[in-house]
Amino acid sequence: MRIGEYQLLRVARETQHGIYLADPAGEEVLLPRGQCPPRSEISDTLNVFVYTDSEDRPVATTKKPLATAGEFVKLRVISVASAGAFLDWGLDKDLFCPPMEQRVPMREGGQYLVRVYVDEVSNRVVCSTKLSRFLQSDGRALAPWQPVKIVVAGRFPDMMTVIIDGRFKGSLFHDEWHDRLDIGDVREAYVKNIRPEDG
């Protein structure tokens, strides 16, 4: 069962709590009754997002999160506690950001660009504002005038830092955009140049 991802799962059985969906290996996950589509039949296939509940058990949902594991997204902080911050990502259970994954301490109501990922220890979906560790600084795998998708990551007087195709660090200089851009905005773009000295 792949935590933090959408997957097609087969209806295996029904209980008073909802229906259990199974992956090809036979592992099951609960889709709570309030989210079960009407007239689901055994062996029907449903496309669901799998994450973990408040007790860290895998659970399925038909709701759409604002991002899946491996994606960058700008989210709003719902609450802050000593254990960490909780962000609204469109699901019933808020997305957790541990204190050690906050580049600066988060504040309630603030919006932050985060990277969503699955924590290897707890196996739950969490997020981080320490974006650099998820990115490659050497972009020599790209080519000039290659179309890419960029996410605005930082603002400076003469340039913006951007995330290219969810993998690379890049710079967007002031004379290369014409509309208003804010942190977290996503745009289609083209690679203009790759610096030969450092990629």
Protein backbone atom coordinates (compact mmCIF):
# COMPACT_ATOMS: atom_id res chain seq x y z
CA MET A 1 0.00 0.00 0.00
CA ARG A 2 1.66 3.23 -1.16
CA ILE A 3 1.16 5.96 1.45
CA GLY A 4 0.84 9.51 0.10
CA GLU A 5 -0.26 8.51 -3.41
CA TYR A 6 -3.38 7.95 -5.49
CA GLN A 7 -3.95 4.33 -6.44
CA LEU A 8 -6.55 2.11 -8.04
CA LEU A 9 -7.81 -0.39 -5.46
CA ARG A 10 -10.40 -3.14 -5.64
CA VAL A 11 -13.44 -3.32 -3.34
CA ALA A 12 -12.76 -6.39 -1.19
CA ARG A 13 -15.43 -6.37 1.53
CA GLU A 14 -17.94 -4.18 3.31
CA THR A 15 -18.27 -3.55 7.07
CA GLN A 16 -20.27 -1.21 9.31
CA HIS A 17 -17.31 1.21 9.25
CA GLY A 18 -17.05 1.36 5.46
CA ILE A 19 -15.54 -0.72 2.68
CA TYR A 20 -12.12 -2.31 2.62
CA LEU A 21 -10.11 -1.85 -0.56
CA ALA A 22 -7.32 -4.22 -1.59
CA ASP A 23 -4.17 -3.72 -3.65
CA PRO A 24 -2.85 -6.45 -6.03
CA ALA A 25 -0.85 -8.00 -3.15
CA GLY A 26 -4.03 -8.37 -1.08
CA GLU A 27 -3.18 -5.66 1.48
CA GLU A 28 -6.34 -3.89 2.61
CA VAL A 29 -7.18 -0.31 3.62
CA LEU A 30 -10.44 1.16 4.94
CA LEU A 31 -12.47 3.71 3.00
CA PRO A 32 -14.72 5.22 5.73
CA ARG A 33 -18.46 4.89 5.24
CA GLY A 34 -19.05 8.61 4.78
CA GLN A 35 -16.87 8.56 1.66
CA CYS A 36 -18.10 5.37 0.04
CA PRO A 37 -19.69 5.95 -3.36
CA PRO A 38 -23.26 4.67 -3.67
CA ARG A 39 -23.78 1.13 -4.92
CA SER A 40 -20.15 -0.01 -4.70
CA GLU A 41 -19.93 -3.68 -5.60
CA ILE A 42 -17.34 -6.28 -4.67
CA SER A 43 -14.50 -6.22 -7.25
CA ASP A 44 -15.30 -2.64 -8.33
CA THR A 45 -12.18 -0.50 -8.69
CA LEU A 46 -11.87 2.91 -7.03
CA ASN A 47 -9.21 5.60 -7.42
CA VAL A 48 -8.39 6.79 -3.89
CA PHE A 49 -5.69 8.67 -2.01
CA VAL A 50 -4.05 6.70 0.82
CA TYR A 51 -2.60 8.39 3.92
CA THR A 52 -2.67 7.64 7.66
CA ASP A 53 -5.28 8.43 10.32
CA SER A 54 -4.71 9.91 13.80
CA GLU A 55 -3.45 6.52 15.00
CA ASP A 56 -1.04 6.22 12.05
CA ARG A 57 -3.09 3.47 10.39
CA PRO A 58 -3.43 3.57 6.58
CA VAL A 59 -6.79 4.95 5.46
CA ALA A 60 -8.23 5.74 2.03
CA THR A 61 -10.13 8.84 0.97
CA THR A 62 -11.97 9.97 -2.14
CA LYS A 63 -11.23 13.60 -1.21
CA LYS A 64 -8.44 15.30 -3.15
CA PRO A 65 -5.45 16.64 -1.20
CA LEU A 66 -3.80 19.84 -2.44
CA ALA A 67 -0.59 17.85 -3.01
CA THR A 68 0.69 14.27 -2.92
CA ALA A 69 4.01 12.92 -1.68
CA GLY A 70 6.89 14.36 -3.71
CA GLU A 71 5.12 17.60 -4.65
CA PHE A 72 5.74 21.22 -3.65
CA VAL A 73 2.74 23.33 -2.63
CA LYS A 74 1.90 26.50 -0.71
CA LEU A 75 -0.27 25.73 2.33
CA ARG A 76 -1.79 27.66 5.24
CA VAL A 77 -0.99 26.80 8.87
CA ILE A 78 -4.11 25.91 10.89
CA SER A 79 -2.45 25.60 14.30
CA VAL A 80 0.95 25.49 15.98
CA ALA A 81 1.88 23.38 19.03
CA SER A 82 5.10 22.35 20.75
CA ALA A 83 5.03 19.11 18.71
CA GLY A 84 4.93 21.01 15.40
CA ALA A 85 2.62 22.82 13.00
CA PHE A 86 -0.52 21.58 11.28
CA LEU A 87 -1.38 22.74 7.75
CA ASP A 88 -4.59 22.61 5.70
CA TRP A 89 -4.07 20.36 2.68
CA GLY A 90 -7.73 19.66 1.95
CA LEU A 91 -8.21 16.46 3.99
CA ASP A 92 -9.89 15.77 7.34
CA LYS A 93 -6.53 15.20 9.04
CA ASP A 94 -4.24 18.22 8.76
CA LEU A 95 -0.71 17.86 7.37
CA PHE A 96 2.00 17.81 10.04
CA CYS A 97 5.28 19.73 9.86
CA PRO A 98 7.77 18.76 12.62
CA PRO A 99 9.75 21.60 14.26
CA MET A 100 13.03 20.30 12.82
CA GLU A 101 11.54 20.54 9.31
CA GLN A 102 10.69 24.24 9.68
CA ARG A 103 13.33 26.55 8.18
CA VAL A 104 11.83 29.33 10.30
CA PRO A 105 9.25 28.72 13.05
CA MET A 106 5.79 28.59 11.51
CA ARG A 107 3.01 30.82 12.76
CA GLU A 108 -0.74 30.22 12.77
CA GLY A 109 -2.41 31.68 9.68
CA GLY A 110 0.87 31.94 7.78
CA GLN A 111 1.32 30.44 4.32
CA TYR A 112 4.42 28.46 3.45
CA LEU A 113 5.84 26.64 0.46
CA VAL A 114 6.40 23.06 1.58
CA ARG A 115 7.54 19.78 0.16
CA VAL A 116 5.19 16.87 0.96
CA TYR A 117 6.88 13.54 1.67
CA VAL A 118 6.46 10.26 3.56
CA ASP A 119 8.48 10.05 6.78
CA GLU A 120 10.51 6.84 6.71
CA VAL A 121 10.26 6.29 10.48
CA SER A 122 6.54 6.90 11.11
CA ASN A 123 5.38 6.04 7.55
CA ARG A 124 3.02 9.01 7.63
CA VAL A 125 2.70 11.93 5.22
CA VAL A 126 4.41 15.08 6.56
CA CYS A 127 5.95 18.22 5.07
CA SER A 128 9.07 20.38 5.25
CA THR A 129 10.01 23.97 4.43
CA LYS A 130 13.67 22.94 4.11
CA LEU A 131 13.33 22.61 0.36
CA SER A 132 16.97 22.49 -0.72
CA ARG A 133 17.56 18.97 0.53
CA PHE A 134 14.94 17.69 -1.91
CA LEU A 135 16.52 19.44 -4.93
CA GLN A 136 19.49 18.99 -7.22
CA SER A 137 21.67 22.05 -7.80
CA ASP A 138 23.25 20.62 -10.97
CA GLY A 139 20.80 20.99 -13.85
CA ARG A 140 22.97 19.66 -16.66
CA ALA A 141 20.32 16.99 -17.28
CA LEU A 142 18.23 19.83 -18.76
CA ALA A 143 18.73 21.42 -22.17
CA PRO A 144 18.39 25.03 -23.40
CA TRP A 145 14.82 25.89 -24.53
CA GLN A 146 13.46 22.72 -22.95
CA PRO A 147 9.89 23.34 -21.69
CA VAL A 148 9.59 22.92 -17.92
CA LYS A 149 7.19 23.60 -15.05
CA ILE A 150 8.44 25.97 -12.36
CA VAL A 151 7.29 26.75 -8.82
CA VAL A 152 8.30 30.12 -7.37
CA ALA A 153 10.28 29.42 -4.18
CA GLY A 154 11.85 32.77 -3.17
CA ARG A 155 11.86 36.49 -4.01
CA PHE A 156 14.86 38.81 -4.27
CA PRO A 157 15.18 42.36 -5.68
CA ASP A 158 16.54 41.26 -9.07
CA MET A 159 15.45 37.62 -9.34
CA MET A 160 13.34 34.76 -8.04
CA THR A 161 14.47 31.29 -7.07
CA VAL A 162 12.39 28.57 -8.66
CA ILE A 163 11.96 24.81 -8.49
CA ILE A 164 12.21 23.27 -11.96
CA ASP A 165 10.14 20.16 -12.69
CA GLY A 166 10.10 19.38 -8.97
CA ARG A 167 13.79 18.40 -9.09
CA PHE A 168 16.19 21.27 -9.77
CA LYS A 169 17.08 24.65 -8.30
CA GLY A 170 16.91 27.54 -10.74
CA SER A 171 16.85 31.32 -11.06
CA LEU A 172 14.32 33.50 -12.85
CA PHE A 173 15.72 36.97 -13.48
CA HIS A 174 13.62 40.13 -13.39
CA ASP A 175 13.58 40.66 -17.17
CA GLU A 176 12.27 37.12 -17.79
CA TRP A 177 8.72 37.50 -16.44
CA HIS A 178 5.97 40.00 -17.11
CA ASP A 179 3.06 39.22 -14.75
CA ARG A 180 2.86 39.25 -10.95
CA LEU A 181 4.47 36.20 -9.36
CA ASP A 182 4.16 35.10 -5.74
CA ILE A 183 5.75 32.31 -3.73
CA GLY A 184 4.07 29.02 -4.60
CA ASP A 185 2.87 30.14 -8.04
CA VAL A 186 3.24 27.53 -10.79
CA ARG A 187 4.08 28.48 -14.38
CA GLU A 188 5.10 26.90 -17.66
CA ALA A 189 8.59 28.08 -18.62
CA TYR A 190 11.63 27.33 -20.76
CA VAL A 191 15.24 26.74 -19.79
CA LYS A 192 17.20 29.70 -21.09
CA ASN A 193 20.71 28.85 -19.96
CA ILE A 194 22.63 26.30 -17.91
CA ARG A 195 25.76 27.71 -16.31
CA PRO A 196 28.69 25.54 -17.45
CA GLU A 197 30.73 26.14 -14.28
CA ASP A 198 28.26 24.57 -11.83
CA GLY A 199 25.27 23.33 -13.85
